């Protein structure tokens, strides 16, 4: 299991801070980051939320999957490590 969640289908308006706020009631967050395009700075529509424990990440996943954030239904899953 992992303590890092992938969050997809984000609104272009979602920021790293609003992503953190959406998930912080489910546990201690180490990092919340919306991934942006290097050249334009615009959101790429996904991000990652890292919790201090696997259990908190599982709780957040169960609570937030298929929920709505900034007017869009988001996708939440455990993050896969890069190969």
PDB file of N, CA and C in Angstrom:
ATOM      1  N   UNK A   1       0.847  -1.174   0.000  1.00  0.00           N
ATOM      2  CA  UNK A   1       0.000   0.000   0.000  1.00  0.00           C
ATOM      3  C   UNK A   1       0.898   1.245   0.000  1.00  0.00           C
ATOM      4  N   UNK A   2       0.297   2.379  -0.228  1.00  0.00           N
ATOM      5  CA  UNK A   2       1.059   3.616  -0.347  1.00  0.00           C
ATOM      6  C   UNK A   2       0.375   4.722   0.443  1.00  0.00           C
ATOM      7  N   UNK A   3       1.146   5.722   0.826  1.00  0.00           N
ATOM      8  CA  UNK A   3       0.556   6.879   1.503  1.00  0.00           C
ATOM      9  C   UNK A   3       0.359   8.038   0.540  1.00  0.00           C
ATOM     10  N   UNK A   4       0.549   7.777  -0.774  1.00  0.00           N
ATOM     11  CA  UNK A   4       0.423   8.824  -1.788  1.00  0.00           C
ATOM     12  C   UNK A   4      -0.753   8.508  -2.704  1.00  0.00           C
ATOM     13  N   UNK A   5      -1.634   9.517  -2.876  1.00  0.00           N
ATOM     14  CA  UNK A   5      -2.809   9.356  -3.720  1.00  0.00           C
ATOM     15  C   UNK A   5      -2.676  10.161  -5.006  1.00  0.00           C
ATOM     16  N   UNK A   6      -3.136   9.578  -6.088  1.00  0.00           N
ATOM     17  CA  UNK A   6      -3.276  10.267  -7.365  1.00  0.00           C
ATOM     18  C   UNK A   6      -4.686  10.839  -7.393  1.00  0.00           C
ATOM     19  N   UNK A   7      -4.820  12.092  -7.793  1.00  0.00           N
ATOM     20  CA  UNK A   7      -6.134  12.726  -7.918  1.00  0.00           C
ATOM     21  C   UNK A   7      -6.256  13.250  -9.349  1.00  0.00           C
ATOM     22  N   UNK A   8      -7.191  12.691 -10.109  1.00  0.00           N
ATOM     23  CA  UNK A   8      -7.350  13.066 -11.502  1.00  0.00           C
ATOM     24  C   UNK A   8      -8.670  13.754 -11.783  1.00  0.00           C
ATOM     25  N   UNK A   9      -8.824  14.218 -13.008  1.00  0.00           N
ATOM     26  CA  UNK A   9     -10.014  14.949 -13.474  1.00  0.00           C
ATOM     27  C   UNK A   9     -10.229  16.240 -12.696  1.00  0.00           C
ATOM     28  N   UNK A  10      -9.131  16.893 -12.331  1.00  0.00           N
ATOM     29  CA  UNK A  10      -9.233  18.154 -11.591  1.00  0.00           C
ATOM     30  C   UNK A  10      -9.675  19.290 -12.509  1.00  0.00           C
ATOM     31  N   UNK A  11     -10.387  20.233 -11.919  1.00  0.00           N
ATOM     32  CA  UNK A  11     -10.749  21.467 -12.608  1.00  0.00           C
ATOM     33  C   UNK A  11      -9.470  22.260 -12.882  1.00  0.00           C
ATOM     34  N   UNK A  12      -9.473  23.046 -13.960  1.00  0.00           N
ATOM     35  CA  UNK A  12      -8.325  23.909 -14.240  1.00  0.00           C
ATOM     36  C   UNK A  12      -8.137  24.926 -13.123  1.00  0.00           C
ATOM     37  N   UNK A  13      -9.199  25.195 -12.349  1.00  0.00           N
ATOM     38  CA  UNK A  13      -9.146  26.187 -11.271  1.00  0.00           C
ATOM     39  C   UNK A  13      -8.592  25.633  -9.964  1.00  0.00           C
ATOM     40  N   UNK A  14      -8.455  24.323  -9.848  1.00  0.00           N
ATOM     41  CA  UNK A  14      -7.966  23.728  -8.606  1.00  0.00           C
ATOM     42  C   UNK A  14      -6.482  24.034  -8.430  1.00  0.00           C
ATOM     43  N   UNK A  15      -6.138  24.511  -7.233  1.00  0.00           N
ATOM     44  CA  UNK A  15      -4.741  24.823  -6.905  1.00  0.00           C
ATOM     45  C   UNK A  15      -4.227  23.784  -5.906  1.00  0.00           C
ATOM     46  N   UNK A  16      -2.927  23.784  -5.679  1.00  0.00           N
ATOM     47  CA  UNK A  16      -2.346  22.880  -4.683  1.00  0.00           C
ATOM     48  C   UNK A  16      -2.971  23.142  -3.315  1.00  0.00           C
ATOM     49  N   UNK A  17      -3.224  24.405  -3.005  1.00  0.00           N
ATOM     50  CA  UNK A  17      -3.811  24.756  -1.709  1.00  0.00           C
ATOM     51  C   UNK A  17      -5.257  24.254  -1.590  1.00  0.00           C
ATOM     52  N   UNK A  18      -6.054  24.425  -2.643  1.00  0.00           N
ATOM     53  CA  UNK A  18      -7.444  23.953  -2.555  1.00  0.00           C
ATOM     54  C   UNK A  18      -7.503  22.427  -2.545  1.00  0.00           C
ATOM     55  N   UNK A  19      -6.538  21.774  -3.189  1.00  0.00           N
ATOM     56  CA  UNK A  19      -6.449  20.316  -3.140  1.00  0.00           C
ATOM     57  C   UNK A  19      -6.148  19.872  -1.709  1.00  0.00           C
ATOM     58  N   UNK A  20      -5.219  20.556  -1.071  1.00  0.00           N
ATOM     59  CA  UNK A  20      -4.882  20.255   0.339  1.00  0.00           C
ATOM     60  C   UNK A  20      -6.105  20.428   1.228  1.00  0.00           C
ATOM     61  N   UNK A  21      -6.818  21.527   1.057  1.00  0.00           N
ATOM     62  CA  UNK A  21      -7.992  21.801   1.882  1.00  0.00           C
ATOM     63  C   UNK A  21      -9.070  20.742   1.711  1.00  0.00           C
ATOM     64  N   UNK A  22      -9.222  20.236   0.506  1.00  0.00           N
ATOM     65  CA  UNK A  22     -10.242  19.221   0.240  1.00  0.00           C
ATOM     66  C   UNK A  22      -9.943  17.904   0.958  1.00  0.00           C
ATOM     67  N   UNK A  23      -8.665  17.596   1.147  1.00  0.00           N
ATOM     68  CA  UNK A  23      -8.274  16.303   1.716  1.00  0.00           C
ATOM     69  C   UNK A  23      -7.844  16.369   3.180  1.00  0.00           C
ATOM     70  N   UNK A  24      -7.602  17.565   3.728  1.00  0.00           N
ATOM     71  CA  UNK A  24      -6.978  17.648   5.042  1.00  0.00           C
ATOM     72  C   UNK A  24      -7.835  17.134   6.198  1.00  0.00           C
ATOM     73  N   UNK A  25      -9.136  17.017   6.009  1.00  0.00           N
ATOM     74  CA  UNK A  25      -9.975  16.492   7.097  1.00  0.00           C
ATOM     75  C   UNK A  25      -9.833  14.977   7.251  1.00  0.00           C
ATOM     76  N   UNK A  26      -9.093  14.352   6.354  1.00  0.00           N
ATOM     77  CA  UNK A  26      -8.951  12.892   6.381  1.00  0.00           C
ATOM     78  C   UNK A  26      -7.613  12.424   6.924  1.00  0.00           C
ATOM     79  N   UNK A  27      -6.743  13.347   7.315  1.00  0.00           N
ATOM     80  CA  UNK A  27      -5.461  12.955   7.896  1.00  0.00           C
ATOM     81  C   UNK A  27      -4.406  14.028   7.719  1.00  0.00           C
ATOM     82  N   UNK A  28      -3.230  13.751   8.268  1.00  0.00           N
ATOM     83  CA  UNK A  28      -2.117  14.699   8.185  1.00  0.00           C
ATOM     84  C   UNK A  28      -1.473  14.618   6.803  1.00  0.00           C
ATOM     85  N   UNK A  29      -1.464  15.760   6.112  1.00  0.00           N
ATOM     86  CA  UNK A  29      -0.926  15.813   4.757  1.00  0.00           C
ATOM     87  C   UNK A  29       0.522  16.284   4.777  1.00  0.00           C
ATOM     88  N   UNK A  30       1.375  15.514   4.132  1.00  0.00           N
ATOM     89  CA  UNK A  30       2.782  15.880   3.987  1.00  0.00           C
ATOM     90  C   UNK A  30       2.927  16.858   2.819  1.00  0.00           C
ATOM     91  N   UNK A  31       2.242  16.549   1.702  1.00  0.00           N
ATOM     92  CA  UNK A  31       2.329  17.389   0.509  1.00  0.00           C
ATOM     93  C   UNK A  31       1.066  17.226  -0.326  1.00  0.00           C
ATOM     94  N   UNK A  32       0.601  18.317  -0.901  1.00  0.00           N
ATOM     95  CA  UNK A  32      -0.494  18.301  -1.883  1.00  0.00           C
ATOM     96  C   UNK A  32      -0.012  19.153  -3.053  1.00  0.00           C
ATOM     97  N   UNK A  33      -0.030  18.569  -4.246  1.00  0.00           N
ATOM     98  CA  UNK A  33       0.539  19.277  -5.393  1.00  0.00           C
ATOM     99  C   UNK A  33      -0.279  19.019  -6.648  1.00  0.00           C
ATOM    100  N   UNK A  34      -0.713  20.110  -7.284  1.00  0.00           N
ATOM    101  CA  UNK A  34      -1.336  20.024  -8.605  1.00  0.00           C
ATOM    102  C   UNK A  34      -0.196  20.119  -9.614  1.00  0.00           C
ATOM    103  N   UNK A  35      -0.154  19.196 -10.552  1.00  0.00           N
ATOM    104  CA  UNK A  35       0.911  19.166 -11.550  1.00  0.00           C
ATOM    105  C   UNK A  35       0.588  20.172 -12.652  1.00  0.00           C
ATOM    106  N   UNK A  36       1.586  20.987 -12.991  1.00  0.00           N
ATOM    107  CA  UNK A  36       1.385  22.027 -13.997  1.00  0.00           C
ATOM    108  C   UNK A  36       2.313  21.817 -15.191  1.00  0.00           C
ATOM    109  N   UNK A  37       1.902  22.380 -16.305  1.00  0.00           N
ATOM    110  CA  UNK A  37       2.716  22.341 -17.524  1.00  0.00           C
ATOM    111  C   UNK A  37       3.938  23.230 -17.318  1.00  0.00           C
ATOM    112  N   UNK A  38       5.103  22.741 -17.649  1.00  0.00           N
ATOM    113  CA  UNK A  38       6.334  23.509 -17.427  1.00  0.00           C
ATOM    114  C   UNK A  38       6.383  24.813 -18.203  1.00  0.00           C
ATOM    115  N   UNK A  39       5.880  24.793 -19.431  1.00  0.00           N
ATOM    116  CA  UNK A  39       6.007  25.998 -20.256  1.00  0.00           C
ATOM    117  C   UNK A  39       4.890  27.014 -20.014  1.00  0.00           C
ATOM    118  N   UNK A  40       3.674  26.559 -19.756  1.00  0.00           N
ATOM    119  CA  UNK A  40       2.564  27.503 -19.592  1.00  0.00           C
ATOM    120  C   UNK A  40       2.195  27.765 -18.139  1.00  0.00           C
ATOM    121  N   UNK A  41       2.563  26.846 -17.242  1.00  0.00           N
ATOM    122  CA  UNK A  41       2.190  26.997 -15.844  1.00  0.00           C
ATOM    123  C   UNK A  41       0.759  26.586 -15.561  1.00  0.00           C
ATOM    124  N   UNK A  42       0.045  26.160 -16.584  1.00  0.00           N
ATOM    125  CA  UNK A  42      -1.351  25.773 -16.431  1.00  0.00           C
ATOM    126  C   UNK A  42      -1.460  24.352 -15.869  1.00  0.00           C
ATOM    127  N   UNK A  43      -2.490  24.116 -15.077  1.00  0.00           N
ATOM    128  CA  UNK A  43      -2.732  22.788 -14.502  1.00  0.00           C
ATOM    129  C   UNK A  43      -2.847  21.736 -15.599  1.00  0.00           C
ATOM    130  N   UNK A  44      -2.319  20.563 -15.338  1.00  0.00           N
ATOM    131  CA  UNK A  44      -2.447  19.449 -16.281  1.00  0.00           C
ATOM    132  C   UNK A  44      -3.662  18.587 -15.941  1.00  0.00           C
ATOM    133  N   UNK A  45      -4.429  18.996 -14.909  1.00  0.00           N
ATOM    134  CA  UNK A  45      -5.675  18.298 -14.584  1.00  0.00           C
ATOM    135  C   UNK A  45      -5.535  17.145 -13.610  1.00  0.00           C
ATOM    136  N   UNK A  46      -4.349  17.028 -13.005  1.00  0.00           N
ATOM    137  CA  UNK A  46      -4.181  15.993 -11.985  1.00  0.00           C
ATOM    138  C   UNK A  46      -3.170  16.446 -10.946  1.00  0.00           C
ATOM    139  N   UNK A  47      -3.150  15.725  -9.832  1.00  0.00           N
ATOM    140  CA  UNK A  47      -2.215  16.061  -8.762  1.00  0.00           C
ATOM    141  C   UNK A  47      -2.015  14.884  -7.843  1.00  0.00           C
ATOM    142  N   UNK A  48      -1.267  15.134  -6.778  1.00  0.00           N
ATOM    143  CA  UNK A  48      -0.951  14.088  -5.811  1.00  0.00           C
ATOM    144  C   UNK A  48      -1.115  14.642  -4.403  1.00  0.00           C
ATOM    145  N   UNK A  49      -1.595  13.785  -3.497  1.00  0.00           N
ATOM    146  CA  UNK A  49      -1.698  14.141  -2.088  1.00  0.00           C
ATOM    147  C   UNK A  49      -0.971  13.050  -1.310  1.00  0.00           C
ATOM    148  N   UNK A  50       0.025  13.451  -0.519  1.00  0.00           N
ATOM    149  CA  UNK A  50       0.799  12.502   0.271  1.00  0.00           C
ATOM    150  C   UNK A  50       0.433  12.668   1.742  1.00  0.00           C
ATOM    151  N   UNK A  51       0.032  11.566   2.366  1.00  0.00           N
ATOM    152  CA  UNK A  51      -0.353  11.562   3.775  1.00  0.00           C
ATOM    153  C   UNK A  51       0.789  11.019   4.630  1.00  0.00           C
ATOM    154  N   UNK A  52       0.702  11.224   5.933  1.00  0.00           N
ATOM    155  CA  UNK A  52       1.759  10.761   6.825  1.00  0.00           C
ATOM    156  C   UNK A  52       1.693   9.248   7.058  1.00  0.00           C
ATOM    157  N   UNK A  53       0.561   8.605   6.738  1.00  0.00           N
ATOM    158  CA  UNK A  53       0.470   7.152   6.922  1.00  0.00           C
ATOM    159  C   UNK A  53      -0.391   6.520   5.833  1.00  0.00           C
ATOM    160  N   UNK A  54      -0.183   5.223   5.649  1.00  0.00           N
ATOM    161  CA  UNK A  54      -0.984   4.463   4.687  1.00  0.00           C
ATOM    162  C   UNK A  54      -2.456   4.458   5.087  1.00  0.00           C
ATOM    163  N   UNK A  55      -2.716   4.345   6.404  1.00  0.00           N
ATOM    164  CA  UNK A  55      -4.099   4.280   6.896  1.00  0.00           C
ATOM    165  C   UNK A  55      -4.856   5.573   6.582  1.00  0.00           C
ATOM    166  N   UNK A  56      -4.198   6.712   6.744  1.00  0.00           N
ATOM    167  CA  UNK A  56      -4.840   7.987   6.431  1.00  0.00           C
ATOM    168  C   UNK A  56      -5.123   8.103   4.939  1.00  0.00           C
ATOM    169  N   UNK A  57      -4.194   7.622   4.124  1.00  0.00           N
ATOM    170  CA  UNK A  57      -4.395   7.650   2.677  1.00  0.00           C
ATOM    171  C   UNK A  57      -5.588   6.779   2.292  1.00  0.00           C
ATOM    172  N   UNK A  58      -5.715   5.609   2.899  1.00  0.00           N
ATOM    173  CA  UNK A  58      -6.846   4.706   2.625  1.00  0.00           C
ATOM    174  C   UNK A  58      -8.166   5.367   3.026  1.00  0.00           C
ATOM    175  N   UNK A  59      -8.186   6.009   4.190  1.00  0.00           N
ATOM    176  CA  UNK A  59      -9.386   6.704   4.663  1.00  0.00           C
ATOM    177  C   UNK A  59      -9.784   7.805   3.682  1.00  0.00           C
ATOM    178  N   UNK A  60      -8.813   8.581   3.239  1.00  0.00           N
ATOM    179  CA  UNK A  60      -9.069   9.676   2.291  1.00  0.00           C
ATOM    180  C   UNK A  60      -9.549   9.132   0.956  1.00  0.00           C
ATOM    181  N   UNK A  61      -8.939   8.057   0.490  1.00  0.00           N
ATOM    182  CA  UNK A  61      -9.353   7.443  -0.774  1.00  0.00           C
ATOM    183  C   UNK A  61     -10.812   7.027  -0.704  1.00  0.00           C
ATOM    184  N   UNK A  62     -11.173   6.321   0.366  1.00  0.00           N
ATOM    185  CA  UNK A  62     -12.555   5.857   0.515  1.00  0.00           C
ATOM    186  C   UNK A  62     -13.546   7.013   0.610  1.00  0.00           C
ATOM    187  N   UNK A  63     -13.141   8.089   1.280  1.00  0.00           N
ATOM    188  CA  UNK A  63     -14.037   9.230   1.476  1.00  0.00           C
ATOM    189  C   UNK A  63     -14.158  10.112   0.235  1.00  0.00           C
ATOM    190  N   UNK A  64     -13.067  10.227  -0.532  1.00  0.00           N
ATOM    191  CA  UNK A  64     -13.037  11.216  -1.613  1.00  0.00           C
ATOM    192  C   UNK A  64     -13.266  10.659  -3.013  1.00  0.00           C
ATOM    193  N   UNK A  65     -13.163   9.343  -3.210  1.00  0.00           N
ATOM    194  CA  UNK A  65     -13.346   8.825  -4.575  1.00  0.00           C
ATOM    195  C   UNK A  65     -14.746   9.165  -5.071  1.00  0.00           C
ATOM    196  N   UNK A  66     -14.809   9.598  -6.306  1.00  0.00           N
ATOM    197  CA  UNK A  66     -16.056   9.996  -6.965  1.00  0.00           C
ATOM    198  C   UNK A  66     -16.745  11.187  -6.302  1.00  0.00           C
ATOM    199  N   UNK A  67     -16.001  11.971  -5.520  1.00  0.00           N
ATOM    200  CA  UNK A  67     -16.588  13.175  -4.935  1.00  0.00           C
ATOM    201  C   UNK A  67     -16.365  14.342  -5.898  1.00  0.00           C
ATOM    202  N   UNK A  68     -16.895  15.496  -5.529  1.00  0.00           N
ATOM    203  CA  UNK A  68     -16.792  16.663  -6.395  1.00  0.00           C
ATOM    204  C   UNK A  68     -15.863  17.698  -5.778  1.00  0.00           C
ATOM    205  N   UNK A  69     -15.018  18.289  -6.618  1.00  0.00           N
ATOM    206  CA  UNK A  69     -14.106  19.345  -6.190  1.00  0.00           C
ATOM    207  C   UNK A  69     -14.082  20.407  -7.276  1.00  0.00           C
ATOM    208  N   UNK A  70     -14.369  21.634  -6.892  1.00  0.00           N
ATOM    209  CA  UNK A  70     -14.388  22.763  -7.838  1.00  0.00           C
ATOM    210  C   UNK A  70     -15.270  22.478  -9.056  1.00  0.00           C
ATOM    211  N   UNK A  71     -16.420  21.831  -8.808  1.00  0.00           N
ATOM    212  CA  UNK A  71     -17.397  21.616  -9.873  1.00  0.00           C
ATOM    213  C   UNK A  71     -17.154  20.417 -10.763  1.00  0.00           C
ATOM    214  N   UNK A  72     -16.141  19.602 -10.448  1.00  0.00           N
ATOM    215  CA  UNK A  72     -15.853  18.409 -11.266  1.00  0.00           C
ATOM    216  C   UNK A  72     -15.794  17.170 -10.388  1.00  0.00           C
ATOM    217  N   UNK A  73     -16.264  16.059 -10.925  1.00  0.00           N
ATOM    218  CA  UNK A  73     -16.140  14.791 -10.215  1.00  0.00           C
ATOM    219  C   UNK A  73     -14.698  14.300 -10.368  1.00  0.00           C
ATOM    220  N   UNK A  74     -14.035  14.103  -9.241  1.00  0.00           N
ATOM    221  CA  UNK A  74     -12.618  13.722  -9.285  1.00  0.00           C
ATOM    222  C   UNK A  74     -12.448  12.210  -9.204  1.00  0.00           C
ATOM    223  N   UNK A  75     -11.286  11.769  -9.676  1.00  0.00           N
ATOM    224  CA  UNK A  75     -10.886  10.371  -9.621  1.00  0.00           C
ATOM    225  C   UNK A  75      -9.751  10.269  -8.614  1.00  0.00           C
ATOM    226  N   UNK A  76      -9.861   9.340  -7.675  1.00  0.00           N
ATOM    227  CA  UNK A  76      -8.831   9.182  -6.640  1.00  0.00           C
ATOM    228  C   UNK A  76      -8.389   7.714  -6.617  1.00  0.00           C
ATOM    229  N   UNK A  77      -7.079   7.509  -6.597  1.00  0.00           N
ATOM    230  CA  UNK A  77      -6.530   6.154  -6.511  1.00  0.00           C
ATOM    231  C   UNK A  77      -5.140   6.243  -5.880  1.00  0.00           C
ATOM    232  N   UNK A  78      -4.608   5.098  -5.473  1.00  0.00           N
ATOM    233  CA  UNK A  78      -3.245   5.112  -4.981  1.00  0.00           C
ATOM    234  C   UNK A  78      -2.306   5.433  -6.126  1.00  0.00           C
ATOM    235  N   UNK A  79      -1.299   6.238  -5.862  1.00  0.00           N
ATOM    236  CA  UNK A  79      -0.332   6.633  -6.886  1.00  0.00           C
ATOM    237  C   UNK A  79       0.590   5.464  -7.185  1.00  0.00           C
ATOM    238  N   UNK A  80       0.947   5.312  -8.447  1.00  0.00           N
ATOM    239  CA  UNK A  80       1.915   4.299  -8.869  1.00  0.00           C
ATOM    240  C   UNK A  80       3.289   4.951  -8.904  1.00  0.00           C
ATOM    241  N   UNK A  81       4.276   4.254  -8.391  1.00  0.00           N
ATOM    242  CA  UNK A  81       5.642   4.762  -8.488  1.00  0.00           C
ATOM    243  C   UNK A  81       6.083   4.722  -9.931  1.00  0.00           C
ATOM    244  N   UNK A  82       6.867   5.718 -10.338  1.00  0.00           N
ATOM    245  CA  UNK A  82       7.408   5.722 -11.706  1.00  0.00           C
ATOM    246  C   UNK A  82       8.325   4.532 -11.894  1.00  0.00           C
ATOM    247  N   UNK A  83       8.268   3.958 -13.039  1.00  0.00           N
ATOM    248  CA  UNK A  83       9.104   2.787 -13.335  1.00  0.00           C
ATOM    249  C   UNK A  83      10.433   3.213 -13.895  1.00  0.00           C
TER     250      UNK A  83
END
